[in-house]
Amino acid sequence: MNFFTCINDGLKTVHKNYQLLFIHFSFLFISFFGLFFILSIPLGILFVIFGIDLTDILKGSFIEILLSSINIMKKFLIFAIIFIISLVIYVILIVSLWIYIFSGTIGVMCQYLQEGKVFNLKSFHKYGKRFFWKTGFFALFSVLIFICLTFIFGFISEISSKIVNFLNHYSHTLSVFFNVFIYLSILLTGIIAFILWITYTLFGFFGIFIKNLTVGETIRETRKLIILYPQSIGRAALLFVIYILTGGLILSFGSLLAIIPHIGTILVAAYQFITQFAHVYISMVVFAAFLSYYIRLDASVARTEPEQTLPLEEAQQQSQNPPPSELS
């Protein structure tokens, strides 16, 4: 299939359902200022009203800073407990809101790509509520995979650094060669693993919505689909490169505006809102394009399965019905 057709489908999906852009941008706005509200007010009360000087706490070594922080925690234990509980509640609310918005977004995009229906708030709420728990549990599974990969690559990097330090005692040239070689190998392997993780995660989310799979079925079916169609990893890599290039281009404009004297800072501050909205737009287009690719891939798999099972059934019938014997 022509992958640029999928990108065109992604553009149409985002343009026809433009309300999703404002929903995601509002989520980013609420998340940022909610965290600022949660952190600034308690810390302001602690450092201004109670007269605690933060610069005095940060003086000294790391052990002294840690001991000073523990003493403050003991002195204002109730205040610290309230602050931690508030932060935990905020994180839970933000994560729950993200799962709801993400579920509604996939549902709206699926109904447009499959049925041609555009955004309406009732459908968004229906999908966000219906697939909330499935999306949340699969997202948790995907995060655990990412954490495991991070620990594995961190462990490999630590071992490689010890090997390089060991070789440095015998040959500086050899250690430099192995340092560059191992660094590039880990970097390339990390990029491939990250692209594979993105492909697996997105295919899993799409399978939950399109095939109405459970989380366990999604884990198994997604692995089989990627093994059967490994070219999907290349499609995900292409979309990732497009996202990186367009995002870098947008950020470069912000650096140019900062050079302008007097009004450069004001323009950069205003440009940050435009940049965030542009990043939301690019992310949505890339996401919708990969969703269109999955729908087309799933349709092709559904068409090829009957063609593969039909010869098998005919062979079984022929084996059960032996050919008639010739008359002598």
Protein backbone atom coordinates (compact mmCIF):
# COMPACT_ATOMS: atom_id res chain seq x y z
CA MET A 1 0.00 0.00 0.00
CA ASN A 2 1.09 3.60 -0.60
CA PHE A 3 2.05 4.99 2.79
CA PHE A 4 1.67 8.60 1.64
CA THR A 5 -2.03 7.83 1.20
CA CYS A 6 -2.10 7.08 4.92
CA ILE A 7 -0.44 10.44 5.64
CA ASN A 8 -3.09 12.12 3.50
CA ASP A 9 -5.76 10.27 5.49
CA GLY A 10 -4.12 11.55 8.69
CA LEU A 11 -4.27 15.14 7.48
CA LYS A 12 -7.94 14.79 6.52
CA THR A 13 -8.77 13.17 9.85
CA VAL A 14 -7.21 15.98 11.87
CA HIS A 15 -8.73 18.73 9.71
CA LYS A 16 -12.23 17.24 9.82
CA ASN A 17 -11.99 16.65 13.57
CA TYR A 18 -10.15 19.86 14.47
CA GLN A 19 -11.88 19.95 17.86
CA LEU A 20 -9.43 17.29 19.01
CA LEU A 21 -6.58 19.78 18.62
CA PHE A 22 -8.14 22.21 21.07
CA ILE A 23 -8.93 19.40 23.51
CA HIS A 24 -5.31 18.22 23.58
CA PHE A 25 -3.94 21.75 23.76
CA SER A 26 -6.27 22.51 26.67
CA PHE A 27 -5.02 19.34 28.39
CA LEU A 28 -1.42 20.55 28.08
CA PHE A 29 -2.43 23.96 29.43
CA ILE A 30 -4.28 22.46 32.40
CA SER A 31 -1.44 20.02 33.15
CA PHE A 32 1.25 22.70 33.19
CA PHE A 33 -0.60 25.32 35.24
CA GLY A 34 -2.08 22.67 37.52
CA LEU A 35 1.40 21.48 38.41
CA PHE A 36 2.53 25.08 38.84
CA PHE A 37 -0.43 25.69 41.17
CA ILE A 38 0.24 22.54 43.20
CA LEU A 39 3.95 23.30 43.64
CA SER A 40 4.05 27.09 43.91
CA ILE A 41 1.43 27.75 46.61
CA PRO A 42 2.69 25.23 49.23
CA LEU A 43 6.34 26.16 48.60
CA GLY A 44 5.43 29.85 48.77
CA ILE A 45 3.77 29.34 52.14
CA LEU A 46 6.75 27.33 53.38
CA PHE A 47 9.47 29.74 52.29
CA VAL A 48 7.72 33.10 52.67
CA ILE A 49 5.32 32.82 55.61
CA PHE A 50 7.45 30.49 57.69
CA GLY A 51 10.63 32.40 56.79
CA ILE A 52 12.67 29.48 55.46
CA ASP A 53 15.56 30.58 53.26
CA LEU A 54 16.13 28.16 50.41
CA THR A 55 19.64 29.47 49.75
CA ASP A 56 20.72 28.45 53.24
CA ILE A 57 19.41 24.94 52.66
CA LEU A 58 21.31 24.54 49.40
CA LYS A 59 24.65 25.54 50.95
CA GLY A 60 27.14 22.83 51.75
CA SER A 61 27.67 19.31 50.46
CA PHE A 62 25.06 16.85 49.28
CA ILE A 63 24.88 15.17 52.69
CA GLU A 64 24.30 18.53 54.42
CA ILE A 65 21.54 19.44 51.94
CA LEU A 66 19.91 16.05 52.54
CA LEU A 67 20.09 16.44 56.33
CA SER A 68 18.65 19.98 56.14
CA SER A 69 15.78 18.73 54.01
CA ILE A 70 15.06 15.92 56.50
CA ASN A 71 15.04 18.41 59.39
CA ILE A 72 12.55 20.60 57.53
CA MET A 73 10.39 17.53 56.83
CA LYS A 74 10.39 16.69 60.54
CA LYS A 75 9.62 20.27 61.54
CA PHE A 76 6.75 20.65 59.10
CA LEU A 77 5.66 17.01 58.90
CA ILE A 78 1.95 17.68 58.54
CA PHE A 79 2.60 20.29 55.88
CA ALA A 80 4.87 17.86 53.98
CA ILE A 81 2.27 15.06 54.16
CA ILE A 82 -0.44 17.37 52.80
CA PHE A 83 1.89 18.48 50.02
CA ILE A 84 2.76 14.89 49.01
CA ILE A 85 -0.87 13.77 49.13
CA SER A 86 -1.90 16.75 46.98
CA LEU A 87 0.82 15.93 44.45
CA VAL A 88 -0.23 12.27 44.29
CA ILE A 89 -3.88 13.23 43.78
CA TYR A 90 -2.86 15.65 41.03
CA VAL A 91 -0.85 12.97 39.23
CA ILE A 92 -3.75 10.49 39.44
CA LEU A 93 -6.21 13.07 38.08
CA ILE A 94 -3.90 14.09 35.22
CA VAL A 95 -3.20 10.48 34.23
CA SER A 96 -6.91 9.62 34.36
CA LEU A 97 -7.75 12.68 32.26
CA TRP A 98 -5.08 11.73 29.72
CA ILE A 99 -6.45 8.17 29.41
CA TYR A 100 -9.98 9.52 28.91
CA ILE A 101 -8.88 12.05 26.26
CA PHE A 102 -6.64 9.53 24.52
CA SER A 103 -9.42 6.92 24.40
CA GLY A 104 -11.90 9.44 23.04
CA THR A 105 -9.38 10.63 20.43
CA ILE A 106 -8.71 7.13 19.06
CA GLY A 107 -12.43 6.39 19.00
CA VAL A 108 -13.28 9.56 17.07
CA MET A 109 -10.46 8.96 14.57
CA CYS A 110 -11.51 5.34 14.07
CA GLN A 111 -15.13 6.24 13.38
CA TYR A 112 -14.03 8.88 10.85
CA LEU A 113 -11.59 6.60 9.01
CA GLN A 114 -14.02 3.66 8.96
CA GLU A 115 -17.43 5.34 8.73
CA GLY A 116 -16.71 8.95 7.74
CA LYS A 117 -18.34 10.38 10.88
CA VAL A 118 -16.86 13.61 12.22
CA PHE A 119 -16.33 14.71 15.80
CA ASN A 120 -19.20 15.07 18.23
CA LEU A 121 -18.92 15.33 21.97
CA LYS A 122 -21.30 12.44 22.62
CA SER A 123 -19.15 9.97 20.67
CA PHE A 124 -15.97 11.33 22.26
CA HIS A 125 -17.39 10.74 25.73
CA LYS A 126 -18.69 7.30 24.74
CA TYR A 127 -15.31 6.08 23.53
CA GLY A 128 -13.44 7.73 26.40
CA LYS A 129 -15.68 6.01 28.95
CA ARG A 130 -15.99 2.65 27.19
CA PHE A 131 -12.29 1.98 26.58
CA PHE A 132 -10.93 3.79 29.65
CA TRP A 133 -9.80 0.74 31.61
CA LYS A 134 -8.48 -1.23 28.64
CA THR A 135 -6.44 1.77 27.49
CA GLY A 136 -5.16 2.41 31.00
CA PHE A 137 -4.03 -1.18 31.64
CA PHE A 138 -2.33 -1.51 28.25
CA ALA A 139 -0.64 1.88 28.78
CA LEU A 140 0.65 0.59 32.13
CA PHE A 141 1.98 -2.55 30.40
CA SER A 142 3.68 -0.42 27.74
CA VAL A 143 5.27 1.83 30.39
CA LEU A 144 6.63 -1.24 32.21
CA ILE A 145 8.22 -2.43 28.95
CA PHE A 146 9.81 0.99 28.46
CA ILE A 147 11.17 0.98 32.02
CA CYS A 148 12.64 -2.51 31.50
CA LEU A 149 14.30 -1.40 28.26
CA THR A 150 15.72 1.66 30.03
CA PHE A 151 17.24 -0.50 32.78
CA ILE A 152 18.68 -2.94 30.23
CA PHE A 153 20.35 -0.21 28.19
CA GLY A 154 21.59 1.48 31.35
CA PHE A 155 23.12 -1.80 32.53
CA ILE A 156 24.77 -2.37 29.13
CA SER A 157 26.12 1.18 29.12
CA GLU A 158 27.59 0.72 32.60
CA ILE A 159 29.33 -2.52 31.59
CA SER A 160 30.68 -0.95 28.38
CA SER A 161 32.12 2.00 30.31
CA LYS A 162 33.94 -0.41 32.65
CA ILE A 163 35.33 -2.31 29.65
CA VAL A 164 36.58 0.94 28.10
CA ASN A 165 38.21 1.99 31.39
CA PHE A 166 39.89 -1.42 31.61
CA LEU A 167 41.22 -1.15 28.05
CA ASN A 168 42.46 2.38 28.72
CA HIS A 169 45.13 0.99 31.06
CA TYR A 170 46.68 -0.97 28.17
CA SER A 171 46.00 1.05 25.02
CA HIS A 172 44.47 4.52 24.76
CA THR A 173 43.83 4.15 21.00
CA LEU A 174 42.04 0.85 21.48
CA SER A 175 39.91 2.26 24.29
CA VAL A 176 38.89 5.26 22.18
CA PHE A 177 37.97 2.97 19.29
CA PHE A 178 35.86 0.71 21.49
CA ASN A 179 34.29 3.73 23.21
CA VAL A 180 33.09 5.16 19.89
CA PHE A 181 32.08 1.75 18.56
CA ILE A 182 30.10 0.79 21.66
CA TYR A 183 28.48 4.23 21.89
CA LEU A 184 27.29 4.11 18.27
CA SER A 185 26.12 0.50 18.67
CA ILE A 186 24.11 1.32 21.78
CA LEU A 187 22.69 4.44 20.12
CA LEU A 188 21.59 2.54 17.00
CA THR A 189 20.16 -0.34 19.03
CA GLY A 190 18.35 2.10 21.31
CA ILE A 191 16.75 3.89 18.36
CA ILE A 192 15.61 0.59 16.84
CA ALA A 193 14.25 -0.60 20.19
CA PHE A 194 12.43 2.72 20.68
CA ILE A 195 10.83 2.55 17.22
CA LEU A 196 9.83 -1.06 17.87
CA TRP A 197 8.33 -0.06 21.22
CA ILE A 198 6.35 2.77 19.58
CA THR A 199 5.06 0.41 16.88
CA TYR A 200 4.03 -2.22 19.42
CA THR A 201 2.36 0.33 21.69
CA LEU A 202 0.35 2.06 18.96
CA PHE A 203 -0.67 -1.21 17.31
CA GLY A 204 -1.83 -2.41 20.71
CA PHE A 205 -4.01 0.66 21.27
CA PHE A 206 -5.43 0.40 17.76
CA GLY A 207 -6.26 -3.29 18.24
CA ILE A 208 -8.21 -2.51 21.40
CA PHE A 209 -10.46 -0.08 19.53
CA ILE A 210 -10.76 -1.66 16.08
CA LYS A 211 -10.93 -5.35 17.05
CA ASN A 212 -12.33 -4.80 20.58
CA LEU A 213 -9.62 -7.03 22.06
CA THR A 214 -8.89 -7.52 25.71
CA VAL A 215 -5.52 -6.47 27.10
CA GLY A 216 -4.23 -10.05 27.07
CA GLU A 217 -5.42 -10.63 23.51
CA THR A 218 -3.89 -7.31 22.47
CA ILE A 219 -0.48 -8.30 23.83
CA ARG A 220 -0.49 -11.55 21.85
CA GLU A 221 -2.10 -10.31 18.62
CA THR A 222 0.14 -7.24 18.36
CA ARG A 223 3.27 -9.35 18.65
CA LYS A 224 2.01 -11.70 15.91
CA LEU A 225 1.09 -8.80 13.64
CA ILE A 226 4.51 -7.16 13.90
CA ILE A 227 6.26 -10.47 13.24
CA LEU A 228 4.00 -11.09 10.24
CA TYR A 229 4.45 -7.54 8.86
CA PRO A 230 7.90 -6.25 9.96
CA GLN A 231 7.67 -3.43 7.40
CA SER A 232 5.35 -1.68 9.87
CA ILE A 233 8.45 -0.82 11.93
CA GLY A 234 9.86 1.04 8.93
CA ARG A 235 6.58 2.95 8.55
CA ALA A 236 6.76 3.99 12.20
CA ALA A 237 10.39 5.07 11.73
CA LEU A 238 9.39 7.23 8.75
CA LEU A 239 6.68 8.97 10.76
CA PHE A 240 9.10 9.46 13.66
CA VAL A 241 11.63 11.11 11.33
CA ILE A 242 8.90 13.38 9.92
CA TYR A 243 7.91 14.37 13.45
CA ILE A 244 11.51 15.11 14.47
CA LEU A 245 12.24 17.17 11.35
CA THR A 246 9.08 19.27 11.54
CA GLY A 247 9.50 19.76 15.29
CA GLY A 248 13.10 20.89 14.84
CA LEU A 249 12.06 23.30 12.11
CA ILE A 250 9.46 24.87 14.39
CA LEU A 251 11.95 25.25 17.25
CA SER A 252 14.49 26.90 14.94
CA PHE A 253 12.06 29.74 14.25
CA GLY A 254 11.84 30.44 17.98
CA SER A 255 15.63 30.80 18.19
CA LEU A 256 15.58 33.33 15.35
CA LEU A 257 12.89 35.42 17.06
CA ALA A 258 14.95 35.64 20.26
CA ILE A 259 17.68 37.52 18.37
CA ILE A 260 15.35 40.46 17.62
CA PRO A 261 16.17 43.30 20.10
CA HIS A 262 13.62 44.69 22.59
CA ILE A 263 10.57 42.75 21.36
CA GLY A 264 12.35 39.43 20.86
CA THR A 265 11.47 38.13 24.33
CA ILE A 266 7.80 39.03 23.91
CA LEU A 267 7.66 37.37 20.51
CA VAL A 268 9.29 34.22 21.88
CA ALA A 269 6.78 34.05 24.76
CA ALA A 270 3.88 34.37 22.32
CA TYR A 271 5.56 31.97 19.94
CA GLN A 272 5.71 29.28 22.62
CA PHE A 273 1.92 28.95 22.56
CA ILE A 274 1.98 28.65 18.77
CA THR A 275 4.81 26.11 19.01
CA GLN A 276 2.93 23.93 21.48
CA PHE A 277 -0.18 24.02 19.29
CA ALA A 278 1.94 23.15 16.25
CA HIS A 279 3.46 20.18 18.10
CA VAL A 280 -0.02 19.00 19.03
CA TYR A 281 -1.06 19.28 15.38
CA ILE A 282 1.98 17.35 14.10
CA SER A 283 1.54 14.65 16.74
CA MET A 284 -2.13 14.22 15.83
CA VAL A 285 -1.38 13.97 12.10
CA VAL A 286 1.37 11.37 12.67
CA PHE A 287 -0.89 9.42 15.01
CA ALA A 288 -3.85 9.49 12.59
CA ALA A 289 -1.61 8.45 9.68
CA PHE A 290 -0.36 5.40 11.58
CA LEU A 291 -3.95 4.58 12.58
CA SER A 292 -4.96 4.70 8.90
CA TYR A 293 -2.05 2.38 8.08
CA TYR A 294 -3.18 -0.08 10.76
CA ILE A 295 -6.77 -0.08 9.47
CA ARG A 296 -5.60 -0.76 5.91
CA LEU A 297 -3.19 -3.44 7.16
CA ASP A 298 -5.92 -5.11 9.20
CA ALA A 299 -8.25 -5.07 6.19
CA SER A 300 -5.59 -6.73 4.01
CA VAL A 301 -5.03 -9.40 6.66
CA ALA A 302 -8.79 -10.06 6.81
CA ARG A 303 -8.89 -10.48 3.01
CA THR A 304 -5.94 -12.87 2.85
CA GLU A 305 -7.11 -15.15 5.68
CA PRO A 306 -10.12 -16.64 3.76
CA GLU A 307 -7.87 -17.23 0.73
CA GLN A 308 -5.42 -19.16 2.91
CA THR A 309 -8.05 -21.22 4.73
CA LEU A 310 -10.00 -22.20 1.59
CA PRO A 311 -7.27 -24.43 0.03
CA LEU A 312 -6.71 -26.02 3.44
CA GLU A 313 -10.40 -26.95 3.75
CA GLU A 314 -10.42 -28.37 0.21
CA ALA A 315 -7.38 -30.49 0.98
CA GLN A 316 -9.06 -31.84 4.13
CA GLN A 317 -12.20 -32.74 2.18
CA GLN A 318 -10.18 -34.52 -0.49
CA SER A 319 -8.33 -36.52 2.15
CA GLN A 320 -11.64 -37.54 3.78
CA ASN A 321 -13.28 -38.51 0.43
CA PRO A 322 -11.04 -40.99 -1.41
CA PRO A 323 -11.23 -41.00 -5.24
CA PRO A 324 -13.67 -43.55 -6.73
CA SER A 325 -12.10 -46.78 -7.95
CA GLU A 326 -12.01 -47.42 -11.69
CA LEU A 327 -14.40 -50.03 -13.12
CA SER A 328 -12.67 -53.06 -14.47
